[in-house]
Amino acid sequence: DNGVREDSECDFLIFNPDYGFLCVEVKGGTGMRVEDGVW
């Protein structure tokens, strides 16, 4: 982005020839909340 490299990762990529692929992000912990757009 604007010459700045940002490394990322796909936790799981699931491929099925009858459909295609899904990228899945896995989150642990005991819960999730959002406040003012912040997770």
All heavy atoms as atom14 arrays in JSON, in Angstrom:
{
  "sequence": "DNGVREDSECDFLIFNPDYGFLCVEVKGGTGMRVEDGVW",
  "atom14_mask": [
    [1, 1, 1, 1, 1, 1, 1, 1, 0, 0, 0, 0, 0, 0],
    [1, 1, 1, 1, 1, 1, 1, 1, 0, 0, 0, 0, 0, 0],
    [1, 1, 1, 1, 0, 0, 0, 0, 0, 0, 0, 0, 0, 0],
    [1, 1, 1, 1, 1, 1, 1, 0, 0, 0, 0, 0, 0, 0],
    [1, 1, 1, 1, 1, 1, 1, 1, 1, 1, 1, 0, 0, 0],
    [1, 1, 1, 1, 1, 1, 1, 1, 1, 0, 0, 0, 0, 0],
    [1, 1, 1, 1, 1, 1, 1, 1, 0, 0, 0, 0, 0, 0],
    [1, 1, 1, 1, 1, 1, 0, 0, 0, 0, 0, 0, 0, 0],
    [1, 1, 1, 1, 1, 1, 1, 1, 1, 0, 0, 0, 0, 0],
    [1, 1, 1, 1, 1, 1, 0, 0, 0, 0, 0, 0, 0, 0],
    [1, 1, 1, 1, 1, 1, 1, 1, 0, 0, 0, 0, 0, 0],
    [1, 1, 1, 1, 1, 1, 1, 1, 1, 1, 1, 0, 0, 0],
    [1, 1, 1, 1, 1, 1, 1, 1, 0, 0, 0, 0, 0, 0],
    [1, 1, 1, 1, 1, 1, 1, 1, 0, 0, 0, 0, 0, 0],
    [1, 1, 1, 1, 1, 1, 1, 1, 1, 1, 1, 0, 0, 0],
    [1, 1, 1, 1, 1, 1, 1, 1, 0, 0, 0, 0, 0, 0],
    [1, 1, 1, 1, 1, 1, 1, 0, 0, 0, 0, 0, 0, 0],
    [1, 1, 1, 1, 1, 1, 1, 1, 0, 0, 0, 0, 0, 0],
    [1, 1, 1, 1, 1, 1, 1, 1, 1, 1, 1, 1, 0, 0],
    [1, 1, 1, 1, 0, 0, 0, 0, 0, 0, 0, 0, 0, 0],
    [1, 1, 1, 1, 1, 1, 1, 1, 1, 1, 1, 0, 0, 0],
    [1, 1, 1, 1, 1, 1, 1, 1, 0, 0, 0, 0, 0, 0],
    [1, 1, 1, 1, 1, 1, 0, 0, 0, 0, 0, 0, 0, 0],
    [1, 1, 1, 1, 1, 1, 1, 0, 0, 0, 0, 0, 0, 0],
    [1, 1, 1, 1, 1, 1, 1, 1, 1, 0, 0, 0, 0, 0],
    [1, 1, 1, 1, 1, 1, 1, 0, 0, 0, 0, 0, 0, 0],
    [1, 1, 1, 1, 1, 1, 1, 1, 1, 0, 0, 0, 0, 0],
    [1, 1, 1, 1, 0, 0, 0, 0, 0, 0, 0, 0, 0, 0],
    [1, 1, 1, 1, 0, 0, 0, 0, 0, 0, 0, 0, 0, 0],
    [1, 1, 1, 1, 1, 1, 1, 0, 0, 0, 0, 0, 0, 0],
    [1, 1, 1, 1, 0, 0, 0, 0, 0, 0, 0, 0, 0, 0],
    [1, 1, 1, 1, 1, 1, 1, 1, 0, 0, 0, 0, 0, 0],
    [1, 1, 1, 1, 1, 1, 1, 1, 1, 1, 1, 0, 0, 0],
    [1, 1, 1, 1, 1, 1, 1, 0, 0, 0, 0, 0, 0, 0],
    [1, 1, 1, 1, 1, 1, 1, 1, 1, 0, 0, 0, 0, 0],
    [1, 1, 1, 1, 1, 1, 1, 1, 0, 0, 0, 0, 0, 0],
    [1, 1, 1, 1, 0, 0, 0, 0, 0, 0, 0, 0, 0, 0],
    [1, 1, 1, 1, 1, 1, 1, 0, 0, 0, 0, 0, 0, 0],
    [1, 1, 1, 1, 1, 1, 1, 1, 1, 1, 1, 1, 1, 1]
  ],
  "atom14_positions": [
    [[0.85, -1.18, 0.0], [0.0, 0.0, 0.0], [0.89, 1.24, 0.0], [1.61, 1.5, 0.95], [-0.91, 0.0, 1.23], [-1.9, 1.17, 1.23], [-2.08, 1.8, 0.17], [-2.49, 1.45, 2.3], [0.0, 0.0, 0.0], [0.0, 0.0, 0.0], [0.0, 0.0, 0.0], [0.0, 0.0, 0.0], [0.0, 0.0, 0.0], [0.0, 0.0, 0.0]],
    [[0.84, 2.0, -1.12], [1.68, 3.2, -1.27], [3.16, 2.89, -1.02], [3.87, 3.66, -0.37], [1.21, 4.31, -0.31], [-0.17, 4.82, -0.65], [-0.53, 4.92, -1.83], [-0.96, 5.14, 0.36], [0.0, 0.0, 0.0], [0.0, 0.0, 0.0], [0.0, 0.0, 0.0], [0.0, 0.0, 0.0], [0.0, 0.0, 0.0], [0.0, 0.0, 0.0]],
    [[3.58, 1.75, -1.54], [4.99, 1.38, -1.43], [5.37, 0.73, -0.11], [6.52, 0.34, 0.07], [0.0, 0.0, 0.0], [0.0, 0.0, 0.0], [0.0, 0.0, 0.0], [0.0, 0.0, 0.0], [0.0, 0.0, 0.0], [0.0, 0.0, 0.0], [0.0, 0.0, 0.0], [0.0, 0.0, 0.0], [0.0, 0.0, 0.0], [0.0, 0.0, 0.0]],
    [[4.42, 0.62, 0.82], [4.69, 0.0, 2.12], [4.17, -1.42, 2.13], [3.0, -1.67, 1.85], [4.05, 0.81, 3.27], [4.31, 0.13, 4.61], [4.57, 2.24, 3.27], [0.0, 0.0, 0.0], [0.0, 0.0, 0.0], [0.0, 0.0, 0.0], [0.0, 0.0, 0.0], [0.0, 0.0, 0.0], [0.0, 0.0, 0.0], [0.0, 0.0, 0.0]],
    [[5.04, -2.37, 2.42], [4.67, -3.78, 2.44], [4.01, -4.14, 3.77], [4.53, -3.79, 4.84], [5.9, -4.66, 2.21], [5.63, -6.15, 2.43], [6.79, -6.98, 1.96], [6.7, -8.34, 2.45], [7.24, -9.39, 1.85], [7.9, -9.23, 0.73], [7.14, -10.6, 2.36], [0.0, 0.0, 0.0], [0.0, 0.0, 0.0], [0.0, 0.0, 0.0]],
    [[2.88, -4.84, 3.71], [2.2, -5.33, 4.9], [2.05, -6.83, 4.8], [1.41, -7.35, 3.89], [0.82, -4.69, 5.05], [0.08, -5.16, 6.29], [-1.3, -4.54, 6.44], [-1.66, -3.68, 5.61], [-2.03, -4.94, 7.37], [0.0, 0.0, 0.0], [0.0, 0.0, 0.0], [0.0, 0.0, 0.0], [0.0, 0.0, 0.0], [0.0, 0.0, 0.0]],
    [[2.7, -7.54, 5.72], [2.62, -8.99, 5.73], [1.31, -9.45, 6.35], [0.82, -8.85, 7.31], [3.79, -9.59, 6.52], [5.12, -9.37, 5.81], [5.19, -9.63, 4.6], [6.07, -8.92, 6.46], [0.0, 0.0, 0.0], [0.0, 0.0, 0.0], [0.0, 0.0, 0.0], [0.0, 0.0, 0.0], [0.0, 0.0, 0.0], [0.0, 0.0, 0.0]],
    [[0.75, -10.52, 5.81], [-0.49, -11.06, 6.33], [-0.45, -12.58, 6.23], [0.55, -13.16, 5.79], [-1.68, -10.49, 5.55], [-2.89, -10.77, 6.23], [0.0, 0.0, 0.0], [0.0, 0.0, 0.0], [0.0, 0.0, 0.0], [0.0, 0.0, 0.0], [0.0, 0.0, 0.0], [0.0, 0.0, 0.0], [0.0, 0.0, 0.0], [0.0, 0.0, 0.0]],
    [[-1.54, -13.2, 6.64], [-1.57, -14.65, 6.69], [-3.01, -15.12, 6.57], [-3.93, -14.51, 7.13], [-0.97, -15.14, 8.02], [-0.99, -16.64, 8.2], [-0.47, -17.05, 9.57], [-0.45, -16.18, 10.48], [-0.11, -18.22, 9.74], [0.0, 0.0, 0.0], [0.0, 0.0, 0.0], [0.0, 0.0, 0.0], [0.0, 0.0, 0.0], [0.0, 0.0, 0.0]],
    [[-3.2, -16.19, 5.84], [-4.49, -16.88, 5.78], [-4.4, -18.07, 6.73], [-3.6, -18.97, 6.52], [-4.78, -17.34, 4.35], [-6.3, -18.31, 4.17], [0.0, 0.0, 0.0], [0.0, 0.0, 0.0], [0.0, 0.0, 0.0], [0.0, 0.0, 0.0], [0.0, 0.0, 0.0], [0.0, 0.0, 0.0], [0.0, 0.0, 0.0], [0.0, 0.0, 0.0]],
    [[-5.22, -18.06, 7.8], [-5.14, -19.15, 8.77], [-5.41, -20.49, 8.12], [-4.65, -21.45, 8.29], [-6.14, -18.92, 9.91], [-5.7, -17.81, 10.84], [-4.51, -17.45, 10.84], [-6.57, -17.27, 11.56], [0.0, 0.0, 0.0], [0.0, 0.0, 0.0], [0.0, 0.0, 0.0], [0.0, 0.0, 0.0], [0.0, 0.0, 0.0], [0.0, 0.0, 0.0]],
    [[-6.51, -20.57, 7.36], [-6.85, -21.82, 6.67], [-7.42, -21.49, 5.29], [-8.26, -20.59, 5.15], [-7.9, -22.62, 7.45], [-7.37, -23.25, 8.7], [-7.36, -22.54, 9.89], [-6.86, -24.54, 8.69], [-6.85, -23.11, 11.05], [-6.36, -25.12, 9.85], [-6.35, -24.4, 11.03], [0.0, 0.0, 0.0], [0.0, 0.0, 0.0], [0.0, 0.0, 0.0]],
    [[-6.92, -22.18, 4.28], [-7.49, -22.11, 2.94], [-8.06, -23.49, 2.63], [-7.33, -24.49, 2.61], [-6.44, -21.71, 1.92], [-6.96, -21.36, 0.52], [-6.03, -20.36, -0.18], [-7.12, -22.59, -0.36], [0.0, 0.0, 0.0], [0.0, 0.0, 0.0], [0.0, 0.0, 0.0], [0.0, 0.0, 0.0], [0.0, 0.0, 0.0], [0.0, 0.0, 0.0]],
    [[-9.38, -23.55, 2.43], [-10.08, -24.82, 2.21], [-10.49, -24.9, 0.74], [-11.21, -24.03, 0.24], [-11.32, -24.92, 3.11], [-10.91, -24.84, 4.58], [-12.08, -26.21, 2.83], [-12.09, -24.81, 5.55], [0.0, 0.0, 0.0], [0.0, 0.0, 0.0], [0.0, 0.0, 0.0], [0.0, 0.0, 0.0], [0.0, 0.0, 0.0], [0.0, 0.0, 0.0]],
    [[-10.02, -25.94, 0.06], [-10.3, -26.11, -1.37], [-11.12, -27.37, -1.6], [-10.81, -28.45, -1.09], [-8.99, -26.21, -2.16], [-9.18, -26.5, -3.63], [-9.67, -25.53, -4.48], [-8.87, -27.75, -4.15], [-9.85, -25.79, -5.84], [-9.05, -28.03, -5.5], [-9.54, -27.04, -6.33], [0.0, 0.0, 0.0], [0.0, 0.0, 0.0], [0.0, 0.0, 0.0]],
    [[-12.21, -27.22, -2.37], [-13.06, -28.35, -2.76], [-13.31, -28.25, -4.26], [-13.84, -27.24, -4.73], [-14.39, -28.3, -1.99], [-15.29, -29.49, -2.31], [-15.36, -29.95, -3.44], [-16.0, -29.98, -1.31], [0.0, 0.0, 0.0], [0.0, 0.0, 0.0], [0.0, 0.0, 0.0], [0.0, 0.0, 0.0], [0.0, 0.0, 0.0], [0.0, 0.0, 0.0]],
    [[-12.95, -29.26, -5.06], [-13.09, -29.18, -6.51], [-14.52, -29.04, -6.99], [-14.76, -28.6, -8.12], [-12.47, -30.49, -7.01], [-12.53, -31.42, -5.84], [-12.35, -30.54, -4.64], [0.0, 0.0, 0.0], [0.0, 0.0, 0.0], [0.0, 0.0, 0.0], [0.0, 0.0, 0.0], [0.0, 0.0, 0.0], [0.0, 0.0, 0.0], [0.0, 0.0, 0.0]],
    [[-15.5, -29.41, -6.15], [-16.9, -29.25, -6.54], [-17.37, -27.81, -6.41], [-18.44, -27.46, -6.93], [-17.81, -30.15, -5.68], [-17.6, -31.62, -5.99], [-17.06, -31.93, -7.06], [-17.97, -32.45, -5.14], [0.0, 0.0, 0.0], [0.0, 0.0, 0.0], [0.0, 0.0, 0.0], [0.0, 0.0, 0.0], [0.0, 0.0, 0.0], [0.0, 0.0, 0.0]],
    [[-16.59, -26.99, -5.72], [-16.98, -25.59, -5.51], [-15.84, -24.64, -5.86], [-15.89, -23.93, -6.86], [-17.4, -25.38, -4.05], [-18.64, -26.12, -3.64], [-18.56, -27.34, -2.96], [-19.89, -25.62, -3.95], [-19.71, -28.03, -2.59], [-21.05, -26.3, -3.57], [-20.95, -27.51, -2.89], [-22.09, -28.18, -2.53], [0.0, 0.0, 0.0], [0.0, 0.0, 0.0]],
    [[-14.83, -24.58, -5.02], [-13.74, -23.64, -5.19], [-12.96, -23.56, -3.9], [-12.58, -24.58, -3.34], [0.0, 0.0, 0.0], [0.0, 0.0, 0.0], [0.0, 0.0, 0.0], [0.0, 0.0, 0.0], [0.0, 0.0, 0.0], [0.0, 0.0, 0.0], [0.0, 0.0, 0.0], [0.0, 0.0, 0.0], [0.0, 0.0, 0.0], [0.0, 0.0, 0.0]],
    [[-12.77, -22.33, -3.37], [-11.98, -22.22, -2.15], [-12.6, -21.2, -1.19], [-13.31, -20.28, -1.6], [-10.53, -21.83, -2.45], [-10.33, -20.38, -2.86], [-10.02, -19.41, -1.9], [-10.43, -19.99, -4.17], [-9.82, -18.09, -2.26], [-10.23, -18.66, -4.55], [-9.93, -17.71, -3.59], [0.0, 0.0, 0.0], [0.0, 0.0, 0.0], [0.0, 0.0, 0.0]],
    [[-12.3, -21.42, 0.1], [-12.68, -20.51, 1.17], [-11.43, -20.15, 1.96], [-10.59, -21.0, 2.24], [-13.67, -21.17, 2.14], [-15.01, -21.65, 1.61], [-15.77, -22.39, 2.71], [-15.84, -20.49, 1.08], [0.0, 0.0, 0.0], [0.0, 0.0, 0.0], [0.0, 0.0, 0.0], [0.0, 0.0, 0.0], [0.0, 0.0, 0.0], [0.0, 0.0, 0.0]],
    [[-11.31, -18.88, 2.34], [-10.28, -18.45, 3.28], [-10.94, -18.25, 4.64], [-11.94, -17.53, 4.75], [-9.63, -17.15, 2.81], [-8.56, -17.37, 1.36], [0.0, 0.0, 0.0], [0.0, 0.0, 0.0], [0.0, 0.0, 0.0], [0.0, 0.0, 0.0], [0.0, 0.0, 0.0], [0.0, 0.0, 0.0], [0.0, 0.0, 0.0], [0.0, 0.0, 0.0]],
    [[-10.38, -18.89, 5.66], [-11.0, -18.88, 6.99], [-10.04, -18.28, 8.0], [-8.9, -18.72, 8.13], [-11.4, -20.31, 7.43], [-12.06, -20.26, 8.8], [-12.31, -20.96, 6.4], [0.0, 0.0, 0.0], [0.0, 0.0, 0.0], [0.0, 0.0, 0.0], [0.0, 0.0, 0.0], [0.0, 0.0, 0.0], [0.0, 0.0, 0.0], [0.0, 0.0, 0.0]],
    [[-10.51, -17.26, 8.7], [-9.77, -16.66, 9.8], [-10.3, -17.28, 11.1], [-11.51, -17.34, 11.32], [-9.99, -15.15, 9.81], [-9.29, -14.42, 10.91], [-7.79, -14.36, 10.74], [-7.28, -14.65, 9.64], [-7.11, -14.03, 11.74], [0.0, 0.0, 0.0], [0.0, 0.0, 0.0], [0.0, 0.0, 0.0], [0.0, 0.0, 0.0], [0.0, 0.0, 0.0]],
    [[-9.4, -17.77, 11.95], [-9.79, -18.43, 13.19], [-9.46, -17.52, 14.37], [-8.35, -17.0, 14.49], [-9.06, -19.78, 13.35], [-9.39, -20.41, 14.71], [-9.45, -20.73, 12.22], [0.0, 0.0, 0.0], [0.0, 0.0, 0.0], [0.0, 0.0, 0.0], [0.0, 0.0, 0.0], [0.0, 0.0, 0.0], [0.0, 0.0, 0.0], [0.0, 0.0, 0.0]],
    [[-10.45, -17.32, 15.25], [-10.26, -16.52, 16.45], [-10.59, -17.36, 17.68], [-11.62, -18.02, 17.74], [-11.15, -15.27, 16.42], [-10.75, -14.26, 15.35], [-9.31, -13.78, 15.55], [-8.88, -12.81, 14.46], [-7.43, -12.48, 14.57], [0.0, 0.0, 0.0], [0.0, 0.0, 0.0], [0.0, 0.0, 0.0], [0.0, 0.0, 0.0], [0.0, 0.0, 0.0]],
    [[-9.69, -17.29, 18.65], [-9.88, -18.06, 19.88], [-10.49, -17.22, 20.98], [-11.38, -16.41, 20.75], [0.0, 0.0, 0.0], [0.0, 0.0, 0.0], [0.0, 0.0, 0.0], [0.0, 0.0, 0.0], [0.0, 0.0, 0.0], [0.0, 0.0, 0.0], [0.0, 0.0, 0.0], [0.0, 0.0, 0.0], [0.0, 0.0, 0.0], [0.0, 0.0, 0.0]],
    [[-9.99, -17.4, 22.19], [-10.52, -16.67, 23.34], [-11.84, -17.23, 23.81], [-12.24, -18.34, 23.49], [0.0, 0.0, 0.0], [0.0, 0.0, 0.0], [0.0, 0.0, 0.0], [0.0, 0.0, 0.0], [0.0, 0.0, 0.0], [0.0, 0.0, 0.0], [0.0, 0.0, 0.0], [0.0, 0.0, 0.0], [0.0, 0.0, 0.0], [0.0, 0.0, 0.0]],
    [[-12.55, -16.4, 24.56], [-13.84, -16.81, 25.1], [-14.99, -15.96, 24.58], [-16.14, -16.19, 24.92], [-13.81, -16.71, 26.64], [-13.5, -15.35, 27.02], [-12.76, -17.65, 27.22], [0.0, 0.0, 0.0], [0.0, 0.0, 0.0], [0.0, 0.0, 0.0], [0.0, 0.0, 0.0], [0.0, 0.0, 0.0], [0.0, 0.0, 0.0], [0.0, 0.0, 0.0]],
    [[-14.66, -14.96, 23.76], [-15.71, -14.12, 23.21], [-15.14, -13.02, 22.33], [-13.91, -12.86, 22.21], [0.0, 0.0, 0.0], [0.0, 0.0, 0.0], [0.0, 0.0, 0.0], [0.0, 0.0, 0.0], [0.0, 0.0, 0.0], [0.0, 0.0, 0.0], [0.0, 0.0, 0.0], [0.0, 0.0, 0.0], [0.0, 0.0, 0.0], [0.0, 0.0, 0.0]],
    [[-16.03, -12.25, 21.74], [-15.65, -11.16, 20.85], [-16.64, -10.02, 21.05], [-17.85, -10.24, 21.19], [-15.7, -11.64, 19.4], [-15.09, -10.68, 18.4], [-13.28, -10.65, 18.45], [-12.91, -12.31, 17.86], [0.0, 0.0, 0.0], [0.0, 0.0, 0.0], [0.0, 0.0, 0.0], [0.0, 0.0, 0.0], [0.0, 0.0, 0.0], [0.0, 0.0, 0.0]],
    [[-16.13, -8.8, 21.08], [-17.04, -7.66, 21.14], [-16.53, -6.55, 20.24], [-15.33, -6.49, 19.91], [-17.21, -7.17, 22.57], [-16.05, -6.38, 23.14], [-16.33, -5.88, 24.54], [-15.26, -5.0, 25.02], [-15.25, -3.69, 24.84], [-16.24, -3.09, 24.17], [-14.26, -2.94, 25.3], [0.0, 0.0, 0.0], [0.0, 0.0, 0.0], [0.0, 0.0, 0.0]],
    [[-17.42, -5.65, 19.85], [-17.08, -4.53, 18.98], [-17.59, -3.24, 19.62], [-18.74, -3.18, 20.07], [-17.7, -4.71, 17.58], [-17.34, -3.53, 16.68], [-17.25, -6.03, 16.95], [0.0, 0.0, 0.0], [0.0, 0.0, 0.0], [0.0, 0.0, 0.0], [0.0, 0.0, 0.0], [0.0, 0.0, 0.0], [0.0, 0.0, 0.0], [0.0, 0.0, 0.0]],
    [[-16.72, -2.24, 19.68], [-17.1, -0.94, 20.23], [-16.56, 0.16, 19.32], [-15.34, 0.21, 19.06], [-16.53, -0.78, 21.65], [-16.91, 0.54, 22.31], [-16.36, 0.66, 23.72], [-16.09, -0.39, 24.34], [-16.2, 1.79, 24.19], [0.0, 0.0, 0.0], [0.0, 0.0, 0.0], [0.0, 0.0, 0.0], [0.0, 0.0, 0.0], [0.0, 0.0, 0.0]],
    [[-17.46, 1.0, 18.81], [-17.08, 2.09, 17.91], [-16.28, 1.57, 16.71], [-15.3, 2.2, 16.27], [-16.27, 3.15, 18.65], [-17.09, 3.84, 19.75], [-18.32, 3.94, 19.58], [-16.49, 4.24, 20.76], [0.0, 0.0, 0.0], [0.0, 0.0, 0.0], [0.0, 0.0, 0.0], [0.0, 0.0, 0.0], [0.0, 0.0, 0.0], [0.0, 0.0, 0.0]],
    [[-16.69, 0.43, 16.2], [-16.03, -0.14, 15.03], [-14.74, -0.87, 15.31], [-14.11, -1.4, 14.39], [0.0, 0.0, 0.0], [0.0, 0.0, 0.0], [0.0, 0.0, 0.0], [0.0, 0.0, 0.0], [0.0, 0.0, 0.0], [0.0, 0.0, 0.0], [0.0, 0.0, 0.0], [0.0, 0.0, 0.0], [0.0, 0.0, 0.0], [0.0, 0.0, 0.0]],
    [[-14.31, -0.9, 16.57], [-13.07, -1.58, 16.95], [-13.4, -2.95, 17.53], [-14.26, -3.07, 18.41], [-12.27, -0.75, 17.97], [-10.99, -1.48, 18.36], [-11.96, 0.63, 17.39], [0.0, 0.0, 0.0], [0.0, 0.0, 0.0], [0.0, 0.0, 0.0], [0.0, 0.0, 0.0], [0.0, 0.0, 0.0], [0.0, 0.0, 0.0], [0.0, 0.0, 0.0]],
    [[-12.68, -3.98, 17.05], [-12.92, -5.35, 17.49], [-11.99, -5.7, 18.64], [-10.8, -5.38, 18.61], [-12.7, -6.33, 16.33], [-13.79, -6.3, 15.3], [-14.06, -5.29, 14.44], [-14.74, -7.33, 15.04], [-15.14, -5.61, 13.64], [-15.58, -6.87, 13.99], [-14.98, -8.59, 15.58], [-16.61, -7.63, 13.48], [-16.01, -9.36, 15.08], [-16.82, -8.88, 14.04]]
  ]
}
